[in-house]
Amino acid sequence: VWRDQILAAVQVVAPAPMTPRPDPIPRLQAPAPVVDREDVLTP
C-alpha cells in the first residue's frame, strides 16, 4: 500500500502538468487622466 503512495508522490509515471503561477505582483489600475497639477496632488 505504501509503495503506491510513494510512486504517486514522485510522479514519475505521469508527472503533473506545470500550471503557470499567478503574477505575485498586483497590477495597479491606471489613474484617471491628469487635467492639471492640482488634480495630481489631490485627486
All heavy atoms as atom14 arrays in JSON, in Angstrom:
{
  "sequence": "VWRDQILAAVQVVAPAPMTPRPDPIPRLQAPAPVVDREDVLTP",
  "atom14_mask": [
    [1, 1, 1, 1, 1, 1, 1, 0, 0, 0, 0, 0, 0, 0],
    [1, 1, 1, 1, 1, 1, 1, 1, 1, 1, 1, 1, 1, 1],
    [1, 1, 1, 1, 1, 1, 1, 1, 1, 1, 1, 0, 0, 0],
    [1, 1, 1, 1, 1, 1, 1, 1, 0, 0, 0, 0, 0, 0],
    [1, 1, 1, 1, 1, 1, 1, 1, 1, 0, 0, 0, 0, 0],
    [1, 1, 1, 1, 1, 1, 1, 1, 0, 0, 0, 0, 0, 0],
    [1, 1, 1, 1, 1, 1, 1, 1, 0, 0, 0, 0, 0, 0],
    [1, 1, 1, 1, 1, 0, 0, 0, 0, 0, 0, 0, 0, 0],
    [1, 1, 1, 1, 1, 0, 0, 0, 0, 0, 0, 0, 0, 0],
    [1, 1, 1, 1, 1, 1, 1, 0, 0, 0, 0, 0, 0, 0],
    [1, 1, 1, 1, 1, 1, 1, 1, 1, 0, 0, 0, 0, 0],
    [1, 1, 1, 1, 1, 1, 1, 0, 0, 0, 0, 0, 0, 0],
    [1, 1, 1, 1, 1, 1, 1, 0, 0, 0, 0, 0, 0, 0],
    [1, 1, 1, 1, 1, 0, 0, 0, 0, 0, 0, 0, 0, 0],
    [1, 1, 1, 1, 1, 1, 1, 0, 0, 0, 0, 0, 0, 0],
    [1, 1, 1, 1, 1, 0, 0, 0, 0, 0, 0, 0, 0, 0],
    [1, 1, 1, 1, 1, 1, 1, 0, 0, 0, 0, 0, 0, 0],
    [1, 1, 1, 1, 1, 1, 1, 1, 0, 0, 0, 0, 0, 0],
    [1, 1, 1, 1, 1, 1, 1, 0, 0, 0, 0, 0, 0, 0],
    [1, 1, 1, 1, 1, 1, 1, 0, 0, 0, 0, 0, 0, 0],
    [1, 1, 1, 1, 1, 1, 1, 1, 1, 1, 1, 0, 0, 0],
    [1, 1, 1, 1, 1, 1, 1, 0, 0, 0, 0, 0, 0, 0],
    [1, 1, 1, 1, 1, 1, 1, 1, 0, 0, 0, 0, 0, 0],
    [1, 1, 1, 1, 1, 1, 1, 0, 0, 0, 0, 0, 0, 0],
    [1, 1, 1, 1, 1, 1, 1, 1, 0, 0, 0, 0, 0, 0],
    [1, 1, 1, 1, 1, 1, 1, 0, 0, 0, 0, 0, 0, 0],
    [1, 1, 1, 1, 1, 1, 1, 1, 1, 1, 1, 0, 0, 0],
    [1, 1, 1, 1, 1, 1, 1, 1, 0, 0, 0, 0, 0, 0],
    [1, 1, 1, 1, 1, 1, 1, 1, 1, 0, 0, 0, 0, 0],
    [1, 1, 1, 1, 1, 0, 0, 0, 0, 0, 0, 0, 0, 0],
    [1, 1, 1, 1, 1, 1, 1, 0, 0, 0, 0, 0, 0, 0],
    [1, 1, 1, 1, 1, 0, 0, 0, 0, 0, 0, 0, 0, 0],
    [1, 1, 1, 1, 1, 1, 1, 0, 0, 0, 0, 0, 0, 0],
    [1, 1, 1, 1, 1, 1, 1, 0, 0, 0, 0, 0, 0, 0],
    [1, 1, 1, 1, 1, 1, 1, 0, 0, 0, 0, 0, 0, 0],
    [1, 1, 1, 1, 1, 1, 1, 1, 0, 0, 0, 0, 0, 0],
    [1, 1, 1, 1, 1, 1, 1, 1, 1, 1, 1, 0, 0, 0],
    [1, 1, 1, 1, 1, 1, 1, 1, 1, 0, 0, 0, 0, 0],
    [1, 1, 1, 1, 1, 1, 1, 1, 0, 0, 0, 0, 0, 0],
    [1, 1, 1, 1, 1, 1, 1, 0, 0, 0, 0, 0, 0, 0],
    [1, 1, 1, 1, 1, 1, 1, 1, 0, 0, 0, 0, 0, 0],
    [1, 1, 1, 1, 1, 1, 1, 0, 0, 0, 0, 0, 0, 0],
    [1, 1, 1, 1, 1, 1, 1, 0, 0, 0, 0, 0, 0, 0]
  ],
  "atom14_positions": [
    [[0.84, -1.21, 0.0], [0.0, 0.0, 0.0], [0.87, 1.25, 0.0], [0.62, 2.21, -0.74], [-0.95, -0.01, 1.22], [-1.71, 1.31, 1.32], [-1.92, -1.18, 1.12], [0.0, 0.0, 0.0], [0.0, 0.0, 0.0], [0.0, 0.0, 0.0], [0.0, 0.0, 0.0], [0.0, 0.0, 0.0], [0.0, 0.0, 0.0], [0.0, 0.0, 0.0]],
    [[1.9, 1.25, 0.81], [2.73, 2.44, 0.95], [3.57, 2.67, -0.31], [3.86, 3.81, -0.67], [3.62, 2.31, 2.17], [4.25, 3.6, 2.61], [5.57, 3.86, 2.76], [3.57, 4.8, 2.97], [5.76, 5.15, 3.18], [4.54, 5.75, 3.33], [2.22, 5.17, 3.02], [4.23, 7.05, 3.72], [1.89, 6.45, 3.42], [2.88, 7.38, 3.77]],
    [[3.92, 1.61, -0.98], [4.66, 1.75, -2.23], [3.87, 2.54, -3.26], [4.4, 3.38, -3.98], [5.01, 0.36, -2.74], [5.51, 0.33, -4.17], [4.39, -0.04, -5.12], [4.82, -1.11, -5.99], [4.0, -1.74, -6.8], [2.71, -1.46, -6.79], [4.44, -2.68, -7.59], [0.0, 0.0, 0.0], [0.0, 0.0, 0.0], [0.0, 0.0, 0.0]],
    [[2.56, 2.3, -3.33], [1.72, 3.05, -4.26], [1.7, 4.54, -3.9], [1.68, 5.4, -4.78], [0.3, 2.5, -4.25], [0.24, 1.08, -4.81], [1.18, 0.69, -5.54], [-0.74, 0.36, -4.51], [0.0, 0.0, 0.0], [0.0, 0.0, 0.0], [0.0, 0.0, 0.0], [0.0, 0.0, 0.0], [0.0, 0.0, 0.0], [0.0, 0.0, 0.0]],
    [[1.71, 4.84, -2.61], [1.75, 6.23, -2.18], [3.07, 6.9, -2.58], [3.1, 8.06, -2.99], [1.58, 6.31, -0.65], [0.25, 5.81, -0.13], [-0.9, 6.68, -0.56], [-0.78, 7.9, -0.65], [-2.04, 6.06, -0.85], [0.0, 0.0, 0.0], [0.0, 0.0, 0.0], [0.0, 0.0, 0.0], [0.0, 0.0, 0.0], [0.0, 0.0, 0.0]],
    [[4.16, 6.15, -2.47], [5.46, 6.71, -2.84], [5.53, 6.98, -4.34], [6.0, 8.04, -4.78], [6.58, 5.75, -2.41], [6.6, 5.59, -0.89], [7.94, 6.24, -2.9], [7.52, 4.51, -0.39], [0.0, 0.0, 0.0], [0.0, 0.0, 0.0], [0.0, 0.0, 0.0], [0.0, 0.0, 0.0], [0.0, 0.0, 0.0], [0.0, 0.0, 0.0]],
    [[5.05, 6.04, -5.14], [5.09, 6.22, -6.59], [4.23, 7.4, -7.02], [4.58, 8.13, -7.95], [4.61, 4.94, -7.28], [5.5, 3.71, -7.09], [4.91, 2.51, -7.83], [6.92, 3.97, -7.55], [0.0, 0.0, 0.0], [0.0, 0.0, 0.0], [0.0, 0.0, 0.0], [0.0, 0.0, 0.0], [0.0, 0.0, 0.0], [0.0, 0.0, 0.0]],
    [[3.11, 7.59, -6.34], [2.28, 8.75, -6.65], [2.99, 10.05, -6.27], [2.87, 11.06, -6.95], [0.94, 8.65, -5.92], [0.0, 0.0, 0.0], [0.0, 0.0, 0.0], [0.0, 0.0, 0.0], [0.0, 0.0, 0.0], [0.0, 0.0, 0.0], [0.0, 0.0, 0.0], [0.0, 0.0, 0.0], [0.0, 0.0, 0.0], [0.0, 0.0, 0.0]],
    [[3.76, 10.01, -5.18], [4.45, 11.22, -4.71], [5.58, 11.62, -5.64], [5.79, 12.81, -5.9], [4.99, 11.0, -3.3], [0.0, 0.0, 0.0], [0.0, 0.0, 0.0], [0.0, 0.0, 0.0], [0.0, 0.0, 0.0], [0.0, 0.0, 0.0], [0.0, 0.0, 0.0], [0.0, 0.0, 0.0], [0.0, 0.0, 0.0], [0.0, 0.0, 0.0]],
    [[6.33, 10.66, -6.16], [7.45, 11.01, -7.03], [6.99, 11.37, -8.44], [7.71, 12.04, -9.18], [8.5, 9.87, -7.1], [9.11, 9.63, -5.75], [7.9, 8.59, -7.64], [0.0, 0.0, 0.0], [0.0, 0.0, 0.0], [0.0, 0.0, 0.0], [0.0, 0.0, 0.0], [0.0, 0.0, 0.0], [0.0, 0.0, 0.0], [0.0, 0.0, 0.0]],
    [[5.78, 10.95, -8.8], [5.15, 11.35, -10.06], [6.04, 11.06, -11.27], [6.19, 11.88, -12.17], [4.8, 12.84, -10.03], [3.77, 13.19, -8.99], [3.42, 14.67, -9.0], [4.16, 15.47, -9.57], [2.33, 15.04, -8.39], [0.0, 0.0, 0.0], [0.0, 0.0, 0.0], [0.0, 0.0, 0.0], [0.0, 0.0, 0.0], [0.0, 0.0, 0.0]],
    [[6.64, 9.88, -11.29], [7.47, 9.51, -12.43], [6.61, 8.94, -13.55], [6.88, 9.14, -14.72], [8.55, 8.5, -12.0], [9.29, 7.97, -13.21], [9.51, 9.16, -11.05], [0.0, 0.0, 0.0], [0.0, 0.0, 0.0], [0.0, 0.0, 0.0], [0.0, 0.0, 0.0], [0.0, 0.0, 0.0], [0.0, 0.0, 0.0], [0.0, 0.0, 0.0]],
    [[5.54, 8.24, -13.16], [4.71, 7.6, -14.17], [3.99, 8.64, -15.02], [4.02, 8.62, -16.24], [3.68, 6.66, -13.5], [2.79, 6.03, -14.55], [4.39, 5.6, -12.69], [0.0, 0.0, 0.0], [0.0, 0.0, 0.0], [0.0, 0.0, 0.0], [0.0, 0.0, 0.0], [0.0, 0.0, 0.0], [0.0, 0.0, 0.0], [0.0, 0.0, 0.0]],
    [[3.34, 9.57, -14.38], [2.64, 10.63, -15.09], [2.81, 11.93, -14.33], [2.02, 12.26, -13.47], [1.15, 10.29, -15.22], [0.0, 0.0, 0.0], [0.0, 0.0, 0.0], [0.0, 0.0, 0.0], [0.0, 0.0, 0.0], [0.0, 0.0, 0.0], [0.0, 0.0, 0.0], [0.0, 0.0, 0.0], [0.0, 0.0, 0.0], [0.0, 0.0, 0.0]],
    [[3.86, 12.68, -14.61], [4.09, 13.9, -13.87], [2.96, 14.89, -14.05], [2.39, 15.0, -15.13], [5.41, 14.45, -14.44], [5.78, 13.58, -15.57], [4.85, 12.42, -15.63], [0.0, 0.0, 0.0], [0.0, 0.0, 0.0], [0.0, 0.0, 0.0], [0.0, 0.0, 0.0], [0.0, 0.0, 0.0], [0.0, 0.0, 0.0], [0.0, 0.0, 0.0]],
    [[2.63, 15.57, -12.98], [1.56, 16.55, -13.04], [1.98, 17.71, -13.94], [3.12, 18.14, -13.91], [1.25, 17.07, -11.63], [0.0, 0.0, 0.0], [0.0, 0.0, 0.0], [0.0, 0.0, 0.0], [0.0, 0.0, 0.0], [0.0, 0.0, 0.0], [0.0, 0.0, 0.0], [0.0, 0.0, 0.0], [0.0, 0.0, 0.0], [0.0, 0.0, 0.0]],
    [[1.07, 18.22, -14.79], [1.44, 19.33, -15.66], [1.74, 20.58, -14.86], [1.13, 20.85, -13.83], [0.18, 19.51, -16.53], [-0.93, 18.94, -15.71], [-0.32, 17.81, -14.93], [0.0, 0.0, 0.0], [0.0, 0.0, 0.0], [0.0, 0.0, 0.0], [0.0, 0.0, 0.0], [0.0, 0.0, 0.0], [0.0, 0.0, 0.0], [0.0, 0.0, 0.0]],
    [[2.69, 21.33, -15.36], [3.05, 22.57, -14.69], [2.0, 23.62, -15.01], [1.67, 23.88, -16.16], [4.43, 23.04, -15.16], [5.56, 22.1, -14.79], [5.82, 22.0, -13.02], [6.45, 23.65, -12.7], [0.0, 0.0, 0.0], [0.0, 0.0, 0.0], [0.0, 0.0, 0.0], [0.0, 0.0, 0.0], [0.0, 0.0, 0.0], [0.0, 0.0, 0.0]],
    [[1.45, 24.23, -14.0], [0.47, 25.29, -14.19], [1.13, 26.62, -13.91], [1.92, 26.75, -12.97], [-0.72, 25.11, -13.23], [-0.23, 25.04, -11.89], [-1.47, 23.82, -13.55], [0.0, 0.0, 0.0], [0.0, 0.0, 0.0], [0.0, 0.0, 0.0], [0.0, 0.0, 0.0], [0.0, 0.0, 0.0], [0.0, 0.0, 0.0], [0.0, 0.0, 0.0]],
    [[0.86, 27.63, -14.74], [1.5, 28.93, -14.5], [1.07, 29.53, -13.18], [-0.1, 29.46, -12.8], [1.02, 29.79, -15.68], [-0.24, 29.11, -16.15], [-0.05, 27.65, -15.88], [0.0, 0.0, 0.0], [0.0, 0.0, 0.0], [0.0, 0.0, 0.0], [0.0, 0.0, 0.0], [0.0, 0.0, 0.0], [0.0, 0.0, 0.0], [0.0, 0.0, 0.0]],
    [[2.03, 30.06, -12.47], [1.71, 30.68, -11.2], [1.1, 32.05, -11.43], [1.46, 32.75, -12.37], [2.98, 30.83, -10.36], [3.6, 29.5, -9.96], [4.81, 29.73, -9.1], [5.4, 28.47, -8.66], [6.48, 28.38, -7.9], [7.09, 29.47, -7.48], [6.95, 27.21, -7.56], [0.0, 0.0, 0.0], [0.0, 0.0, 0.0], [0.0, 0.0, 0.0]],
    [[0.19, 32.47, -10.54], [-0.37, 33.82, -10.68], [0.71, 34.86, -10.46], [1.67, 34.64, -9.73], [-1.44, 33.88, -9.56], [-1.03, 32.82, -8.6], [-0.37, 31.74, -9.41], [0.0, 0.0, 0.0], [0.0, 0.0, 0.0], [0.0, 0.0, 0.0], [0.0, 0.0, 0.0], [0.0, 0.0, 0.0], [0.0, 0.0, 0.0], [0.0, 0.0, 0.0]],
    [[0.54, 35.99, -11.12], [1.52, 37.06, -11.0], [1.58, 37.51, -9.55], [0.58, 37.96, -8.99], [1.1, 38.24, -11.89], [2.22, 39.27, -12.02], [3.17, 39.19, -11.22], [2.14, 40.12, -12.91], [0.0, 0.0, 0.0], [0.0, 0.0, 0.0], [0.0, 0.0, 0.0], [0.0, 0.0, 0.0], [0.0, 0.0, 0.0], [0.0, 0.0, 0.0]],
    [[2.74, 37.37, -8.88], [2.81, 37.75, -7.47], [2.73, 39.26, -7.25], [2.5, 39.71, -6.15], [4.18, 37.22, -7.03], [4.99, 37.2, -8.29], [4.02, 36.87, -9.39], [0.0, 0.0, 0.0], [0.0, 0.0, 0.0], [0.0, 0.0, 0.0], [0.0, 0.0, 0.0], [0.0, 0.0, 0.0], [0.0, 0.0, 0.0], [0.0, 0.0, 0.0]],
    [[2.94, 40.04, -8.32], [2.9, 41.5, -8.17], [1.52, 41.98, -8.59], [1.12, 41.81, -9.74], [3.97, 42.18, -9.03], [5.35, 41.62, -8.67], [3.92, 43.68, -8.89], [6.45, 42.14, -9.54], [0.0, 0.0, 0.0], [0.0, 0.0, 0.0], [0.0, 0.0, 0.0], [0.0, 0.0, 0.0], [0.0, 0.0, 0.0], [0.0, 0.0, 0.0]],
    [[0.73, 42.58, -7.69], [-0.6, 43.05, -8.06], [-0.52, 44.16, -9.11], [0.33, 45.04, -9.05], [-1.18, 43.57, -6.74], [0.02, 43.87, -5.9], [1.08, 42.9, -6.31], [0.0, 0.0, 0.0], [0.0, 0.0, 0.0], [0.0, 0.0, 0.0], [0.0, 0.0, 0.0], [0.0, 0.0, 0.0], [0.0, 0.0, 0.0], [0.0, 0.0, 0.0]],
    [[-1.4, 44.09, -10.07], [-1.42, 45.09, -11.13], [-2.29, 46.26, -10.69], [-3.46, 46.08, -10.36], [-1.95, 44.48, -12.43], [-1.09, 43.33, -12.94], [-1.58, 42.86, -14.3], [-0.77, 41.77, -14.78], [0.39, 41.92, -15.42], [0.85, 43.14, -15.62], [1.08, 40.88, -15.84], [0.0, 0.0, 0.0], [0.0, 0.0, 0.0], [0.0, 0.0, 0.0]],
    [[-1.74, 47.46, -10.71], [-2.47, 48.65, -10.29], [-3.28, 49.19, -11.45], [-2.83, 49.22, -12.6], [-1.51, 49.74, -9.79], [-0.65, 49.35, -8.58], [0.29, 50.49, -8.23], [-1.54, 49.03, -7.39], [0.0, 0.0, 0.0], [0.0, 0.0, 0.0], [0.0, 0.0, 0.0], [0.0, 0.0, 0.0], [0.0, 0.0, 0.0], [0.0, 0.0, 0.0]],
    [[-4.48, 49.66, -11.15], [-5.33, 50.26, -12.17], [-4.81, 51.65, -12.5], [-4.42, 52.42, -11.61], [-6.77, 50.35, -11.66], [-7.74, 50.83, -12.74], [-9.16, 50.82, -12.23], [-9.37, 50.45, -11.08], [-10.1, 51.19, -13.05], [0.0, 0.0, 0.0], [0.0, 0.0, 0.0], [0.0, 0.0, 0.0], [0.0, 0.0, 0.0], [0.0, 0.0, 0.0]],
    [[-4.77, 51.95, -13.78], [-4.24, 53.26, -14.18], [-5.12, 54.37, -13.63], [-6.34, 54.28, -13.65], [-4.18, 53.34, -15.7], [0.0, 0.0, 0.0], [0.0, 0.0, 0.0], [0.0, 0.0, 0.0], [0.0, 0.0, 0.0], [0.0, 0.0, 0.0], [0.0, 0.0, 0.0], [0.0, 0.0, 0.0], [0.0, 0.0, 0.0], [0.0, 0.0, 0.0]],
    [[-4.51, 55.45, -13.11], [-5.31, 56.57, -12.58], [-6.01, 57.32, -13.7], [-5.69, 57.17, -14.88], [-4.26, 57.43, -11.89], [-2.98, 57.1, -12.58], [-3.08, 55.66, -12.97], [0.0, 0.0, 0.0], [0.0, 0.0, 0.0], [0.0, 0.0, 0.0], [0.0, 0.0, 0.0], [0.0, 0.0, 0.0], [0.0, 0.0, 0.0], [0.0, 0.0, 0.0]],
    [[-6.98, 58.13, -13.3], [-7.73, 58.93, -14.27], [-6.78, 59.92, -14.95], [-5.74, 60.29, -14.4], [-8.86, 59.68, -13.56], [0.0, 0.0, 0.0], [0.0, 0.0, 0.0], [0.0, 0.0, 0.0], [0.0, 0.0, 0.0], [0.0, 0.0, 0.0], [0.0, 0.0, 0.0], [0.0, 0.0, 0.0], [0.0, 0.0, 0.0], [0.0, 0.0, 0.0]],
    [[-7.11, 60.35, -16.18], [-6.24, 61.31, -16.89], [-6.01, 62.57, -16.06], [-6.9, 63.08, -15.39], [-7.03, 61.62, -18.16], [-7.95, 60.46, -18.34], [-8.28, 59.98, -16.98], [0.0, 0.0, 0.0], [0.0, 0.0, 0.0], [0.0, 0.0, 0.0], [0.0, 0.0, 0.0], [0.0, 0.0, 0.0], [0.0, 0.0, 0.0], [0.0, 0.0, 0.0]],
    [[-4.8, 63.06, -16.12], [-4.42, 64.25, -15.35], [-4.84, 65.49, -16.11], [-4.51, 65.65, -17.29], [-2.91, 64.26, -15.11], [-2.5, 65.52, -14.38], [-2.49, 63.03, -14.31], [0.0, 0.0, 0.0], [0.0, 0.0, 0.0], [0.0, 0.0, 0.0], [0.0, 0.0, 0.0], [0.0, 0.0, 0.0], [0.0, 0.0, 0.0], [0.0, 0.0, 0.0]],
    [[-5.57, 66.34, -15.43], [-6.01, 67.59, -16.06], [-5.02, 68.7, -15.77], [-4.53, 69.39, -16.65], [-7.42, 67.99, -15.57], [-7.85, 69.3, -16.19], [-8.4, 66.88, -15.94], [0.0, 0.0, 0.0], [0.0, 0.0, 0.0], [0.0, 0.0, 0.0], [0.0, 0.0, 0.0], [0.0, 0.0, 0.0], [0.0, 0.0, 0.0], [0.0, 0.0, 0.0]],
    [[-4.73, 68.9, -14.5], [-3.72, 69.9, -14.15], [-2.99, 69.41, -12.9], [-3.31, 68.38, -12.34], [-4.34, 71.28, -13.92], [-5.47, 71.24, -12.89], [-5.4, 70.38, -11.96], [-6.4, 72.04, -12.99], [0.0, 0.0, 0.0], [0.0, 0.0, 0.0], [0.0, 0.0, 0.0], [0.0, 0.0, 0.0], [0.0, 0.0, 0.0], [0.0, 0.0, 0.0]],
    [[-2.02, 70.17, -12.47], [-1.18, 69.76, -11.36], [-1.96, 69.59, -10.07], [-1.7, 68.7, -9.27], [-0.06, 70.77, -11.18], [0.9, 70.4, -10.07], [2.1, 71.3, -10.11], [3.0, 70.99, -9.01], [4.18, 71.57, -8.85], [4.6, 72.47, -9.72], [4.95, 71.24, -7.84], [0.0, 0.0, 0.0], [0.0, 0.0, 0.0], [0.0, 0.0, 0.0]],
    [[-2.97, 70.41, -9.89], [-3.74, 70.32, -8.66], [-4.47, 69.0, -8.58], [-4.6, 68.41, -7.52], [-4.72, 71.48, -8.58], [-5.52, 71.5, -7.28], [-6.45, 72.7, -7.22], [-6.43, 73.5, -8.16], [-7.19, 72.8, -6.23], [0.0, 0.0, 0.0], [0.0, 0.0, 0.0], [0.0, 0.0, 0.0], [0.0, 0.0, 0.0], [0.0, 0.0, 0.0]],
    [[-4.95, 68.48, -9.75], [-5.64, 67.2, -9.76], [-4.7, 66.05, -9.38], [-5.11, 65.06, -8.8], [-6.24, 66.93, -11.14], [-7.42, 67.83, -11.42], [-8.03, 68.31, -10.43], [-7.72, 68.05, -12.59], [0.0, 0.0, 0.0], [0.0, 0.0, 0.0], [0.0, 0.0, 0.0], [0.0, 0.0, 0.0], [0.0, 0.0, 0.0], [0.0, 0.0, 0.0]],
    [[-3.42, 66.18, -9.74], [-2.48, 65.11, -9.43], [-2.22, 65.03, -7.94], [-2.17, 63.98, -7.34], [-1.15, 65.33, -10.19], [-0.11, 64.33, -9.75], [-1.39, 65.25, -11.69], [0.0, 0.0, 0.0], [0.0, 0.0, 0.0], [0.0, 0.0, 0.0], [0.0, 0.0, 0.0], [0.0, 0.0, 0.0], [0.0, 0.0, 0.0], [0.0, 0.0, 0.0]],
    [[-2.07, 66.17, -7.31], [-1.75, 66.19, -5.89], [-2.95, 65.87, -5.02], [-2.81, 65.28, -3.96], [-1.17, 67.56, -5.52], [0.13, 67.92, -6.24], [0.58, 69.31, -5.81], [1.23, 66.91, -5.92], [0.0, 0.0, 0.0], [0.0, 0.0, 0.0], [0.0, 0.0, 0.0], [0.0, 0.0, 0.0], [0.0, 0.0, 0.0], [0.0, 0.0, 0.0]],
    [[-4.15, 66.25, -5.46], [-5.36, 65.99, -4.66], [-6.44, 65.45, -5.59], [-7.36, 66.16, -5.94], [-5.84, 67.27, -3.97], [-6.08, 68.26, -4.98], [-4.81, 67.77, -2.98], [0.0, 0.0, 0.0], [0.0, 0.0, 0.0], [0.0, 0.0, 0.0], [0.0, 0.0, 0.0], [0.0, 0.0, 0.0], [0.0, 0.0, 0.0], [0.0, 0.0, 0.0]],
    [[-6.34, 64.2, -6.03], [-7.34, 63.66, -6.96], [-8.66, 63.41, -6.25], [-8.72, 63.24, -5.04], [-6.71, 62.34, -7.4], [-5.82, 61.96, -6.27], [-5.31, 63.24, -5.69], [0.0, 0.0, 0.0], [0.0, 0.0, 0.0], [0.0, 0.0, 0.0], [0.0, 0.0, 0.0], [0.0, 0.0, 0.0], [0.0, 0.0, 0.0], [0.0, 0.0, 0.0]]
  ]
}
